[in-house]
Amino acid sequence: MPAPPTKTQRWLDLIAFLAGRRVPVTVEQVMEGVPAYQEDWAEADETARRSVRRKFERDKDELKDLGIPLEAVKFTVNFGREELIGYRLAPGDFYLPYLKLVAAGAPGSAGRPASAIVPSTSQPGGVFEVAERDISLAIRGLREVAEIPGFPYRREARSALRKLTFDLRDRDGSDEHVLFASPPEAEELRGTLRVLSDALLRRKKVGFRYRGMYRDQASERVVRPYGLLYQHAHWYLVGHDDGRDDLRVFRVGRTEDVTVNPRRANSPDFAVPDDFDMARFTGREPWELGGETGEAVEARVRFSFPRSLWAERNAMGVLVAEHPDGSATRAFQVLQTEPFVRWLLSLEGDALVESPAELGDAFRETAGRVAALYRSESSRG
């Protein structure tokens, strides 16, 4: 007696059956046409039929999770007199476009963007014409993220890089290697990042305990994940905190026991608002990300001359006042005190806090701890 087909065989049979059809097919046609379902469906026993139908529903949901959406649609037969529900696999959702490298000004590219998908009768997903400049940027970007140990899609990035560079070696004209040192906890976060990125793609809420920087206790959070951000060697989750009914930024390294809402696993819990723009969070300084309350504190810092010129030319903060001795006071929006204080200390006394008083106290306390640490090291030497 032959062994029953494996789940992978069922998936492949189902995909092959639907991919070869231009019109939707009913569930009965699926049951009769896919070998893995045929035998049980052919039995007159209703229990066996219900069982194989549940197997089909599970296969359909699992394929959807893998990025292969089996779409249920309404269609009519008998000249529109009868309406049925059928399944189909749209070629545009299943086939990736054929990748074609084109030089700038190549024949046939006039009037189209530098990189664009062009319909094709021979390629189900069309042809993606990619400009040389764009492919070079893609290769450089993939090289960078493929070397970040904590990047959740590192394996996928390496795979994409191999495919892009198979016939395009050195197309970007550079043999540079990107050297990147991740923080020690990067590898430990990979599992958490996988869970978060999966929830983000499926639009599922996540729950976790979040331990803030200043309070020695964790709080329970339920968040709608809108995006993941890698900045300043740390991962951040941007999302709507249901408990606080506000948009917040969480440092992933401070989350514990991240779980995805198990209810209606194949249905999204929310939609990302149309006005949400992830670009608003990129390029920010460390003290502008995260924060336990979500409310920024305006810090005023006086930069001595000539550090004041450096702060102006690098657009650090917003100018509040210029002083006769060449110094300048600049304002900053601070969500996290510790990284802001550490940055001020790195300026070696050229920046002093004017307000608020609490920030000045934190600056002096941190400076005192650093000085005590160095005195201790010096006495042991």
Foldseek 3Di string as FASTA:
>chain_A
DDDQDDLVLQLVQLCVVQVPDPDFDAPVCSQCRRVNNVPLCPDPDVVSVVVSVVVVVVSQLVVVLVQFHWDWDWDAPPVRPDIDIGTHGQLLSPDAAAEAEDEPPDPPCPPHPQWDFAADPVGSNGYIYHYLVRLLVLLVVLQVLLQQLLRLCNVVSVVVNCVSCVVCPCSNVDPDHDDDDAPPCSNVCNVVVVQLVSCQVQQWKKWWWFDDDPDPDTDIWIWRFPDWDQDPRWIWTWTQTVVLRGIAIGTSVRTHDIDTPPPPVNHHPDDDDPPDDPVVVPPDDPQVHGADPPAWDKWKKKFAPPVQVVCVVVVPAAWDDADPRGITIGIDTGRDLVVVLVVVVVVPPRMATPDDPVSNVVNVVVVVVVVVVVVVVVVVD
